[in-house]
N, C-alpha and C. Protein backbone atom coordinates (compact mmCIF):
# COMPACT_ATOMS: atom_id res chain seq x y z
N MET A 1 148.84 57.99 153.73
CA MET A 1 147.99 58.73 152.81
C MET A 1 148.25 60.13 152.81
N THR A 2 148.28 60.78 151.66
CA THR A 2 148.47 62.17 151.49
C THR A 2 147.36 62.98 151.92
N GLU A 3 147.62 64.23 152.31
CA GLU A 3 146.61 65.16 152.81
C GLU A 3 145.58 65.37 151.66
N GLU A 4 146.01 65.46 150.35
CA GLU A 4 145.12 65.62 149.18
C GLU A 4 144.13 64.36 149.11
N LYS A 5 144.75 63.22 149.43
CA LYS A 5 143.90 62.01 149.15
C LYS A 5 142.80 62.05 150.27
N THR A 6 143.23 62.40 151.56
CA THR A 6 142.30 62.45 152.66
C THR A 6 141.14 63.39 152.36
N ASN A 7 141.38 64.69 151.76
CA ASN A 7 140.49 65.54 151.44
C ASN A 7 139.46 65.04 150.40
N ILE A 8 139.97 64.36 149.39
CA ILE A 8 139.20 63.78 148.27
C ILE A 8 138.23 62.82 149.02
N THR A 9 138.69 61.92 149.83
CA THR A 9 137.88 60.83 150.23
C THR A 9 136.79 61.43 151.23
N ALA A 10 137.11 62.39 151.89
CA ALA A 10 136.15 63.12 152.88
C ALA A 10 134.99 63.81 152.10
N LYS A 11 135.36 64.25 150.88
CA LYS A 11 134.29 64.96 149.99
C LYS A 11 133.47 63.68 149.32
N GLU A 12 133.91 62.68 149.20
CA GLU A 12 133.29 61.59 148.52
C GLU A 12 132.60 60.56 149.40
N GLY A 13 131.72 61.10 150.26
CA GLY A 13 130.90 60.16 151.09
C GLY A 13 131.51 59.72 152.43
N MET A 14 132.35 60.54 152.96
CA MET A 14 132.83 60.15 154.35
C MET A 14 133.57 58.80 154.41
N LYS A 15 134.46 58.57 153.51
CA LYS A 15 135.17 57.23 153.45
C LYS A 15 136.55 57.39 154.37
N GLY A 16 136.88 56.45 155.13
CA GLY A 16 137.99 56.40 155.96
C GLY A 16 139.12 56.07 155.14
N ALA A 17 140.31 55.91 155.85
CA ALA A 17 141.61 55.77 155.24
C ALA A 17 141.64 54.39 154.46
N GLU A 18 140.96 53.30 154.85
CA GLU A 18 140.88 52.06 154.29
C GLU A 18 139.64 51.87 153.35
N GLY A 19 138.89 52.96 153.07
CA GLY A 19 137.71 52.95 152.21
C GLY A 19 136.56 52.59 152.92
N PHE A 20 136.41 52.33 154.22
CA PHE A 20 135.22 51.99 154.90
C PHE A 20 134.39 53.30 155.21
N ALA A 21 133.16 53.14 155.34
CA ALA A 21 132.39 54.24 155.66
C ALA A 21 132.60 54.71 157.03
N THR A 22 132.73 55.98 157.27
CA THR A 22 133.13 56.63 158.57
C THR A 22 131.83 57.22 159.27
N SER A 23 131.59 56.80 160.36
CA SER A 23 130.44 57.33 161.16
C SER A 23 130.62 58.68 161.76
N LEU A 24 129.81 59.54 161.54
CA LEU A 24 129.94 60.85 162.28
C LEU A 24 129.17 61.01 163.54
N GLU A 25 128.62 59.97 164.01
CA GLU A 25 127.89 59.96 165.25
C GLU A 25 128.82 60.52 166.39
N ARG A 26 128.37 61.48 167.12
CA ARG A 26 129.28 61.99 168.18
C ARG A 26 128.37 62.99 169.11
N ALA A 27 128.97 63.26 170.25
CA ALA A 27 128.08 64.09 171.09
C ALA A 27 128.00 65.52 170.52
N VAL A 28 127.04 66.21 170.97
CA VAL A 28 126.78 67.64 170.49
C VAL A 28 127.78 68.43 171.39
N ALA A 29 128.57 69.21 170.59
CA ALA A 29 129.48 70.10 171.28
C ALA A 29 128.65 71.35 171.98
N PRO A 30 129.29 71.75 173.15
CA PRO A 30 128.62 72.86 173.89
C PRO A 30 128.74 74.13 173.01
N HIS A 31 127.91 75.13 173.34
CA HIS A 31 128.12 76.38 172.71
C HIS A 31 129.54 77.05 173.17
N PRO A 32 130.34 77.55 172.30
CA PRO A 32 131.66 77.76 172.67
C PRO A 32 131.90 78.75 173.80
N TYR A 33 130.97 79.73 173.68
CA TYR A 33 131.01 80.83 174.75
C TYR A 33 130.56 80.41 176.06
N ASP A 34 129.80 79.35 176.30
CA ASP A 34 129.44 78.75 177.52
C ASP A 34 130.59 78.28 178.29
N LEU A 35 131.79 78.02 177.71
CA LEU A 35 132.95 77.57 178.30
C LEU A 35 133.83 78.69 178.80
N LEU A 36 133.59 79.89 178.47
CA LEU A 36 134.37 80.94 178.93
C LEU A 36 133.77 81.72 180.01
N PRO A 37 134.51 82.65 180.70
CA PRO A 37 133.89 83.50 181.73
C PRO A 37 132.83 84.26 181.05
N ARG A 38 131.85 84.31 181.96
CA ARG A 38 130.49 85.09 181.49
C ARG A 38 130.64 86.59 181.40
N VAL A 39 130.24 87.16 180.33
CA VAL A 39 130.29 88.72 180.08
C VAL A 39 128.82 89.09 179.80
N PRO A 40 128.53 90.36 179.92
CA PRO A 40 127.26 90.78 179.48
C PRO A 40 126.93 90.77 177.91
N SER A 41 125.92 90.75 177.55
CA SER A 41 125.39 90.70 176.10
C SER A 41 124.90 92.00 175.54
N PHE A 42 124.78 92.08 174.27
CA PHE A 42 124.15 93.26 173.63
C PHE A 42 123.45 92.76 172.42
N THR A 43 123.05 93.65 171.48
CA THR A 43 122.10 93.15 170.49
C THR A 43 122.91 93.02 169.15
N LEU A 44 122.85 91.84 168.55
CA LEU A 44 123.48 91.59 167.23
C LEU A 44 122.33 91.08 166.33
N GLU A 45 122.20 91.78 165.27
CA GLU A 45 121.15 91.46 164.27
C GLU A 45 121.72 91.33 162.84
N SER A 46 120.99 90.81 161.91
CA SER A 46 121.38 90.73 160.54
C SER A 46 120.20 90.64 159.49
N ASN A 47 120.38 91.35 158.57
CA ASN A 47 119.34 91.32 157.46
C ASN A 47 119.45 90.12 156.63
N ASP A 48 120.52 89.24 156.84
CA ASP A 48 120.76 88.08 156.02
C ASP A 48 120.59 86.73 156.81
N VAL A 49 120.86 86.71 158.06
CA VAL A 49 120.95 85.42 158.83
C VAL A 49 120.05 85.65 160.15
N LYS A 50 119.35 84.57 160.53
CA LYS A 50 118.55 84.62 161.87
C LYS A 50 118.94 83.62 162.83
N ASP A 51 118.86 83.93 164.01
CA ASP A 51 119.31 82.93 165.03
C ASP A 51 118.58 81.78 165.10
N GLY A 52 119.10 80.59 164.96
CA GLY A 52 118.42 79.31 164.94
C GLY A 52 117.79 78.86 163.65
N GLU A 53 117.86 79.70 162.58
CA GLU A 53 117.31 79.39 161.21
C GLU A 53 118.36 79.03 160.35
N PRO A 54 117.91 78.24 159.28
CA PRO A 54 118.91 77.82 158.24
C PRO A 54 119.53 78.92 157.43
N LEU A 55 120.87 78.77 157.32
CA LEU A 55 121.54 79.75 156.63
C LEU A 55 121.23 79.60 155.14
N ASN A 56 121.09 80.72 154.44
CA ASN A 56 120.86 80.73 153.04
C ASN A 56 122.21 80.23 152.25
N PRO A 57 122.15 79.27 151.36
CA PRO A 57 123.25 78.75 150.62
C PRO A 57 124.18 79.88 150.03
N GLU A 58 123.63 81.07 149.84
CA GLU A 58 124.48 82.25 149.40
C GLU A 58 125.66 82.47 150.32
N PHE A 59 125.54 82.15 151.60
CA PHE A 59 126.61 82.21 152.57
C PHE A 59 127.36 81.13 152.93
N ALA A 60 127.20 79.98 152.07
CA ALA A 60 127.95 78.68 152.28
C ALA A 60 129.22 78.84 151.40
N ARG A 61 129.98 77.90 151.54
CA ARG A 61 131.28 77.70 150.71
C ARG A 61 131.00 77.74 149.20
N SER A 62 131.65 78.59 148.53
CA SER A 62 131.52 78.62 147.04
C SER A 62 132.02 77.34 146.47
N ARG A 63 131.29 76.72 145.56
CA ARG A 63 131.64 75.60 144.86
C ARG A 63 132.17 76.04 143.46
N HIS A 64 132.37 77.25 143.05
CA HIS A 64 132.72 77.58 141.82
C HIS A 64 134.05 78.41 141.74
N GLY A 65 134.80 78.29 142.91
CA GLY A 65 136.03 79.16 142.98
C GLY A 65 135.85 80.65 143.24
N GLU A 66 134.62 81.12 143.46
CA GLU A 66 134.44 82.51 143.67
C GLU A 66 134.69 82.81 145.14
N PRO A 67 134.85 84.11 145.63
CA PRO A 67 134.95 84.40 146.93
C PRO A 67 133.66 84.06 147.67
N ASP A 68 133.84 83.63 148.95
CA ASP A 68 132.64 83.34 149.90
C ASP A 68 132.03 84.76 150.21
N ILE A 69 130.82 84.73 150.32
CA ILE A 69 130.03 86.02 150.77
C ILE A 69 129.64 85.95 152.20
N SER A 70 130.11 86.90 152.91
CA SER A 70 129.84 86.94 154.42
C SER A 70 128.48 87.74 154.48
N PRO A 71 127.62 87.42 155.52
CA PRO A 71 126.27 88.11 155.58
C PRO A 71 126.46 89.50 156.27
N GLU A 72 125.44 90.25 156.17
CA GLU A 72 125.32 91.58 156.73
C GLU A 72 125.19 91.42 158.23
N LEU A 73 125.92 92.26 159.10
CA LEU A 73 125.65 92.16 160.55
C LEU A 73 125.64 93.58 160.95
N HIS A 74 124.78 93.90 162.03
CA HIS A 74 124.75 95.12 162.79
C HIS A 74 124.51 94.95 164.13
N TRP A 75 125.08 95.82 165.03
CA TRP A 75 124.96 95.66 166.34
C TRP A 75 124.75 96.92 167.19
N SER A 76 124.22 96.84 168.41
CA SER A 76 123.89 98.00 169.25
C SER A 76 123.84 97.54 170.74
N GLY A 77 123.94 98.71 171.48
CA GLY A 77 123.67 98.35 173.01
C GLY A 77 124.85 97.82 173.71
N PHE A 78 126.00 97.98 173.14
CA PHE A 78 127.31 97.51 173.71
C PHE A 78 127.84 98.65 174.72
N PRO A 79 128.75 98.21 175.55
CA PRO A 79 129.07 99.16 176.63
C PRO A 79 129.73 100.43 176.12
N VAL A 80 129.39 101.55 176.79
CA VAL A 80 130.03 102.84 176.31
C VAL A 80 131.47 102.93 176.38
N GLU A 81 132.11 102.04 177.16
CA GLU A 81 133.73 102.01 177.19
C GLU A 81 134.33 101.16 176.21
N THR A 82 133.56 100.65 175.28
CA THR A 82 134.07 99.91 174.16
C THR A 82 135.13 100.60 173.37
N LYS A 83 136.38 100.07 173.18
CA LYS A 83 137.44 100.74 172.51
C LYS A 83 137.56 100.12 170.91
N SER A 84 137.11 98.89 170.85
CA SER A 84 137.19 98.26 169.53
C SER A 84 136.29 96.98 169.41
N PHE A 85 135.96 96.44 168.49
CA PHE A 85 135.35 95.33 168.14
C PHE A 85 136.20 94.15 167.39
N ALA A 86 135.75 92.84 167.68
CA ALA A 86 136.16 91.90 166.87
C ALA A 86 134.99 91.07 166.50
N VAL A 87 134.96 90.48 165.27
CA VAL A 87 133.90 89.69 164.69
C VAL A 87 134.37 88.30 164.35
N THR A 88 133.69 87.28 164.86
CA THR A 88 134.08 85.80 164.56
C THR A 88 132.90 85.11 164.13
N CYS A 89 133.24 83.94 163.33
CA CYS A 89 132.29 82.96 163.07
C CYS A 89 132.90 81.58 163.28
N PHE A 90 132.20 80.83 164.18
CA PHE A 90 132.87 79.58 164.58
C PHE A 90 131.86 78.43 164.42
N ASP A 91 132.26 77.30 163.98
CA ASP A 91 131.38 76.11 163.80
C ASP A 91 131.74 75.16 164.90
N PRO A 92 131.05 74.97 166.04
CA PRO A 92 131.36 74.00 167.05
C PRO A 92 131.15 72.59 166.66
N ASP A 93 130.28 72.35 165.61
CA ASP A 93 129.90 71.13 165.22
C ASP A 93 130.85 70.36 164.21
N ALA A 94 131.80 70.98 163.73
CA ALA A 94 132.71 70.29 162.76
C ALA A 94 133.43 69.17 163.51
N PRO A 95 133.51 68.06 162.74
CA PRO A 95 133.99 66.78 163.27
C PRO A 95 135.54 66.83 163.38
N THR A 96 136.13 67.82 164.06
CA THR A 96 137.59 67.91 164.12
C THR A 96 138.05 67.82 165.61
N GLY A 97 137.23 67.89 166.67
CA GLY A 97 137.68 67.84 168.10
C GLY A 97 137.94 69.24 168.50
N SER A 98 138.12 70.16 167.60
CA SER A 98 138.33 71.59 168.05
C SER A 98 137.59 72.53 167.30
N GLY A 99 136.39 72.17 166.66
CA GLY A 99 135.52 72.97 165.86
C GLY A 99 136.21 73.67 164.71
N PHE A 100 135.72 74.64 164.02
CA PHE A 100 136.22 75.23 162.79
C PHE A 100 136.01 76.77 162.80
N TRP A 101 137.01 77.42 162.56
CA TRP A 101 136.84 78.95 162.46
C TRP A 101 136.72 79.33 160.90
N HIS A 102 135.58 79.98 160.83
CA HIS A 102 135.21 80.47 159.46
C HIS A 102 135.54 81.96 159.17
N TRP A 103 135.64 82.70 160.21
CA TRP A 103 135.86 84.14 160.09
C TRP A 103 136.42 84.74 161.40
N VAL A 104 137.52 85.55 161.27
CA VAL A 104 138.11 86.24 162.39
C VAL A 104 138.49 87.62 161.86
N VAL A 105 137.84 88.67 162.43
CA VAL A 105 138.12 90.02 162.06
C VAL A 105 138.48 90.71 163.33
N VAL A 106 139.61 91.38 163.43
CA VAL A 106 139.98 92.19 164.55
C VAL A 106 140.31 93.80 164.11
N GLY A 107 140.29 94.55 165.12
CA GLY A 107 140.70 95.95 164.83
C GLY A 107 139.64 96.83 164.31
N LEU A 108 138.25 96.42 164.38
CA LEU A 108 137.24 97.39 164.15
C LEU A 108 137.04 98.43 165.04
N PRO A 109 137.14 99.72 164.66
CA PRO A 109 136.97 100.90 165.61
C PRO A 109 135.52 100.92 166.25
N PRO A 110 135.47 101.53 167.39
CA PRO A 110 134.14 101.63 168.17
C PRO A 110 133.02 102.39 167.36
N ASN A 111 133.34 103.14 166.33
CA ASN A 111 132.32 103.76 165.63
C ASN A 111 131.76 102.93 164.60
N ILE A 112 132.35 101.72 164.26
CA ILE A 112 131.81 100.85 163.27
C ILE A 112 130.83 99.90 163.98
N THR A 113 129.68 99.98 163.58
CA THR A 113 128.58 99.14 164.21
C THR A 113 127.75 98.28 163.18
N GLU A 114 128.36 98.12 162.03
CA GLU A 114 127.88 97.17 161.09
C GLU A 114 128.98 96.69 160.07
N LEU A 115 128.72 95.59 159.50
CA LEU A 115 129.52 95.07 158.38
C LEU A 115 128.57 94.74 157.31
N PRO A 116 128.71 95.38 156.18
CA PRO A 116 127.71 95.04 155.06
C PRO A 116 127.99 93.62 154.45
N ARG A 117 127.05 93.20 153.72
CA ARG A 117 127.21 91.81 153.06
C ARG A 117 128.43 91.87 152.31
N GLY A 118 129.29 90.84 152.34
CA GLY A 118 130.52 90.82 151.48
C GLY A 118 131.67 91.44 152.12
N ALA A 119 131.53 91.99 153.34
CA ALA A 119 132.64 92.69 154.03
C ALA A 119 133.86 91.62 154.40
N GLY A 120 133.39 90.28 154.23
CA GLY A 120 134.44 89.25 154.58
C GLY A 120 135.51 89.01 153.55
N GLY A 121 135.35 89.74 152.40
CA GLY A 121 136.27 89.69 151.26
C GLY A 121 137.56 90.23 151.63
N ALA A 122 138.40 90.15 150.58
CA ALA A 122 139.83 90.73 150.83
C ALA A 122 139.80 92.19 151.13
N SER A 123 138.97 92.98 150.68
CA SER A 123 139.02 94.54 150.79
C SER A 123 137.87 95.14 151.32
N GLY A 124 137.01 94.30 152.16
CA GLY A 124 135.70 94.80 152.53
C GLY A 124 135.78 95.44 153.86
N LEU A 125 136.92 95.51 154.50
CA LEU A 125 137.02 96.08 155.94
C LEU A 125 137.38 97.51 155.97
N PRO A 126 136.91 98.14 157.09
CA PRO A 126 137.36 99.60 157.29
C PRO A 126 138.85 99.66 157.55
N GLU A 127 139.45 100.73 157.40
CA GLU A 127 140.83 101.03 157.66
C GLU A 127 141.16 100.67 159.05
N GLY A 128 142.36 99.96 159.27
CA GLY A 128 142.82 99.56 160.52
C GLY A 128 142.33 98.05 161.00
N ALA A 129 141.15 97.63 160.40
CA ALA A 129 140.80 96.20 160.76
C ALA A 129 141.40 95.22 159.75
N PHE A 130 141.64 94.01 160.14
CA PHE A 130 142.16 93.02 159.30
C PHE A 130 141.63 91.57 159.60
N HIS A 131 141.73 90.85 158.67
CA HIS A 131 141.43 89.24 158.73
C HIS A 131 142.50 88.53 159.33
N VAL A 132 142.20 87.62 160.20
CA VAL A 132 143.16 86.63 160.56
C VAL A 132 142.92 85.33 159.78
N ARG A 133 143.85 84.54 159.47
CA ARG A 133 143.61 83.41 158.61
C ARG A 133 142.59 82.36 159.15
N ASN A 134 141.60 82.02 158.44
CA ASN A 134 140.65 81.07 159.03
C ASN A 134 141.10 79.74 158.86
N ASP A 135 140.27 78.66 159.20
CA ASP A 135 140.79 77.33 159.10
C ASP A 135 140.78 76.83 157.74
N PHE A 136 140.19 77.53 156.72
CA PHE A 136 140.44 77.22 155.33
C PHE A 136 141.82 77.61 154.87
N GLY A 137 142.59 78.25 155.78
CA GLY A 137 143.78 78.92 155.44
C GLY A 137 143.73 80.24 154.68
N GLU A 138 142.55 80.97 154.75
CA GLU A 138 142.35 82.25 153.99
C GLU A 138 142.15 83.46 154.95
N ARG A 139 142.63 84.59 154.60
CA ARG A 139 142.42 85.76 155.26
C ARG A 139 141.18 86.41 154.74
N ALA A 140 140.00 85.69 155.12
CA ALA A 140 138.74 86.26 154.68
C ALA A 140 137.66 85.43 155.35
N TYR A 141 136.39 85.64 154.95
CA TYR A 141 135.27 84.94 155.39
C TYR A 141 135.20 83.50 154.64
N GLY A 142 135.09 82.46 155.30
CA GLY A 142 134.90 81.19 154.55
C GLY A 142 133.49 80.70 154.97
N GLY A 143 132.67 80.34 153.90
CA GLY A 143 131.32 79.95 154.03
C GLY A 143 131.21 78.61 154.67
N ALA A 144 129.99 78.38 155.17
CA ALA A 144 129.64 77.09 155.75
C ALA A 144 129.92 75.94 154.86
N ALA A 145 130.42 74.87 155.43
CA ALA A 145 130.82 73.70 154.54
C ALA A 145 130.83 72.39 155.35
N PRO A 146 129.61 72.11 155.97
CA PRO A 146 129.61 70.78 156.76
C PRO A 146 129.88 69.62 155.86
N PRO A 147 130.31 68.43 156.34
CA PRO A 147 130.35 67.30 155.53
C PRO A 147 128.90 66.89 155.04
N LYS A 148 128.98 66.38 153.76
CA LYS A 148 127.59 66.08 153.28
C LYS A 148 127.00 64.77 154.04
N GLY A 149 125.77 64.93 154.34
CA GLY A 149 125.12 64.02 155.13
C GLY A 149 125.27 64.09 156.59
N ASP A 150 126.04 65.05 157.14
CA ASP A 150 126.02 65.16 158.52
C ASP A 150 124.92 65.98 159.18
N ARG A 151 124.75 65.91 160.36
CA ARG A 151 123.59 66.76 160.95
C ARG A 151 123.89 68.36 160.69
N ALA A 152 122.80 69.08 161.04
CA ALA A 152 122.92 70.47 160.98
C ALA A 152 124.04 71.01 161.84
N HIS A 153 124.83 71.94 161.23
CA HIS A 153 125.94 72.54 162.01
C HIS A 153 125.46 73.97 162.50
N ARG A 154 125.97 74.36 163.67
CA ARG A 154 125.63 75.75 164.08
C ARG A 154 126.80 76.66 163.65
N TYR A 155 126.55 77.90 163.19
CA TYR A 155 127.56 78.84 162.91
C TYR A 155 127.40 80.02 163.63
N VAL A 156 128.23 80.10 164.69
CA VAL A 156 128.08 81.11 165.76
C VAL A 156 128.87 82.47 165.26
N PHE A 157 128.03 83.32 164.85
CA PHE A 157 128.50 84.70 164.46
C PHE A 157 128.54 85.56 165.77
N ALA A 158 129.78 86.12 166.17
CA ALA A 158 129.65 86.77 167.38
C ALA A 158 130.57 88.07 167.16
N VAL A 159 129.99 89.18 167.92
CA VAL A 159 130.69 90.41 167.96
C VAL A 159 131.23 90.55 169.35
N HIS A 160 132.47 90.91 169.49
CA HIS A 160 133.13 91.04 170.83
C HIS A 160 133.41 92.52 171.06
N ALA A 161 132.84 92.98 172.14
CA ALA A 161 133.24 94.35 172.46
C ALA A 161 134.36 94.44 173.32
N LEU A 162 135.44 95.15 172.99
CA LEU A 162 136.73 95.10 173.67
C LEU A 162 137.22 96.29 174.42
N ASP A 163 137.91 96.01 175.56
CA ASP A 163 138.44 97.22 176.17
C ASP A 163 139.79 97.76 175.76
N VAL A 164 140.25 97.33 174.68
CA VAL A 164 141.53 97.84 174.03
C VAL A 164 141.28 98.30 172.63
N GLN A 165 142.07 99.23 172.18
CA GLN A 165 141.96 99.70 170.78
C GLN A 165 142.36 98.70 169.81
N ARG A 166 143.41 97.90 170.24
CA ARG A 166 144.02 96.89 169.30
C ARG A 166 144.40 95.73 170.15
N LEU A 167 144.04 94.45 169.71
CA LEU A 167 144.44 93.37 170.34
C LEU A 167 145.86 93.09 170.03
N ASP A 168 146.71 92.56 170.79
CA ASP A 168 148.08 92.32 170.56
C ASP A 168 148.26 91.08 169.66
N VAL A 169 147.72 91.03 168.50
CA VAL A 169 147.84 90.06 167.48
C VAL A 169 148.02 90.67 166.13
N THR A 170 148.62 89.85 165.26
CA THR A 170 148.74 90.32 163.83
C THR A 170 147.97 89.38 162.97
N GLU A 171 147.83 89.66 161.57
CA GLU A 171 147.14 88.78 160.71
C GLU A 171 147.76 87.36 160.52
N ASP A 172 148.86 87.21 161.07
CA ASP A 172 149.50 85.92 161.13
C ASP A 172 149.15 85.02 162.43
N ALA A 173 148.35 85.66 163.31
CA ALA A 173 148.05 84.83 164.48
C ALA A 173 147.04 83.81 164.05
N THR A 174 146.86 82.76 164.83
CA THR A 174 145.98 81.69 164.62
C THR A 174 144.59 82.24 165.21
N PRO A 175 143.52 81.68 164.73
CA PRO A 175 142.14 82.02 165.45
C PRO A 175 142.12 81.68 167.04
N ALA A 176 142.90 80.57 167.39
CA ALA A 176 142.97 80.25 168.79
C ALA A 176 143.79 81.27 169.60
N ILE A 177 144.73 81.94 168.99
CA ILE A 177 145.52 83.01 169.72
C ILE A 177 144.60 84.20 169.95
N VAL A 178 143.87 84.39 168.79
CA VAL A 178 142.95 85.56 168.91
C VAL A 178 141.87 85.35 169.99
N GLY A 179 141.24 84.16 169.95
CA GLY A 179 140.33 83.70 171.00
C GLY A 179 140.94 83.85 172.39
N PHE A 180 142.20 83.47 172.54
CA PHE A 180 142.75 83.59 173.98
C PHE A 180 142.79 85.00 174.41
N ASN A 181 143.23 85.94 173.47
CA ASN A 181 143.33 87.38 173.65
C ASN A 181 141.89 87.95 173.96
N LEU A 182 140.94 87.42 173.20
CA LEU A 182 139.63 88.02 173.39
C LEU A 182 139.00 87.73 174.69
N THR A 183 139.37 86.49 175.32
CA THR A 183 138.91 86.23 176.71
C THR A 183 139.37 87.25 177.69
N PHE A 184 140.47 87.79 177.61
CA PHE A 184 141.03 88.75 178.54
C PHE A 184 140.62 90.14 178.28
N HIS A 185 140.00 90.52 177.12
CA HIS A 185 139.55 91.84 176.72
C HIS A 185 138.19 92.04 176.36
N THR A 186 137.31 90.99 176.54
CA THR A 186 135.98 91.23 175.98
C THR A 186 135.09 91.86 177.19
N LEU A 187 134.53 92.97 176.94
CA LEU A 187 133.62 93.61 177.86
C LEU A 187 132.13 93.02 177.83
N ALA A 188 131.76 92.68 176.57
CA ALA A 188 130.42 92.12 176.32
C ALA A 188 130.58 91.42 174.92
N ARG A 189 129.53 90.58 174.82
CA ARG A 189 129.56 89.78 173.51
C ARG A 189 128.11 89.45 173.03
N ALA A 190 127.92 89.49 171.69
CA ALA A 190 126.64 89.26 171.16
C ALA A 190 126.77 88.18 170.09
N ALA A 191 125.82 87.28 170.01
CA ALA A 191 125.84 86.19 169.04
C ALA A 191 124.59 85.85 168.46
N ILE A 192 124.60 85.44 167.05
CA ILE A 192 123.53 84.76 166.49
C ILE A 192 124.12 83.46 165.95
N ARG A 193 123.23 82.47 165.77
CA ARG A 193 123.57 81.04 165.52
C ARG A 193 122.74 80.48 164.43
N PRO A 194 122.92 80.91 163.22
CA PRO A 194 122.16 80.13 162.17
C PRO A 194 122.72 78.78 162.00
N THR A 195 122.06 77.89 161.17
CA THR A 195 122.40 76.48 161.13
C THR A 195 122.69 76.29 159.53
N PHE A 196 123.26 75.20 159.17
CA PHE A 196 123.46 74.84 157.78
C PHE A 196 123.62 73.33 157.62
N THR A 197 123.07 72.69 156.65
CA THR A 197 123.23 71.31 156.44
C THR A 197 123.50 71.11 154.81
N ALA A 198 124.55 70.39 154.61
CA ALA A 198 125.01 70.12 153.21
C ALA A 198 123.90 69.28 152.49
């Protein structure tokens, strides 16, 4: 079966390779940062998304070929020794066995303490910052897109306060490589976790 065919069947009612209905019953994945060494927290807020509340469809995956819109984020109370920030959005509930990375931004300078709505587009970042390719294969924010009929997914928007001015990664790195590097350079982390159901 081709990848294209697999994608089509997944969009059309969760059909498996032989046309049988596929069950999405599975264990609830842990919060991703509960699996890493503990670090202090700080305050992350948004005018667009709230912790534990449903995500507005405006921030979901575009169905019309238009760029996806990232929500506004702002943060405070991070360590004074912070030298840069990274921003990520991860769905631990995607039925992949490895979650799904929706957004990875690195290289935000320490004087940047907010990202406006839509900053996840191709040209919305301050100088020196860049997107790493997400699991949609795009260097941008990719909106929420759980399988139709699945339970609510959590979208973990996180800001990582780092002890280096630049992570040793390029825009060609994978999100997993960025995550690996973040583990060794994160002074503190803040997260909010809206949900979304298709």
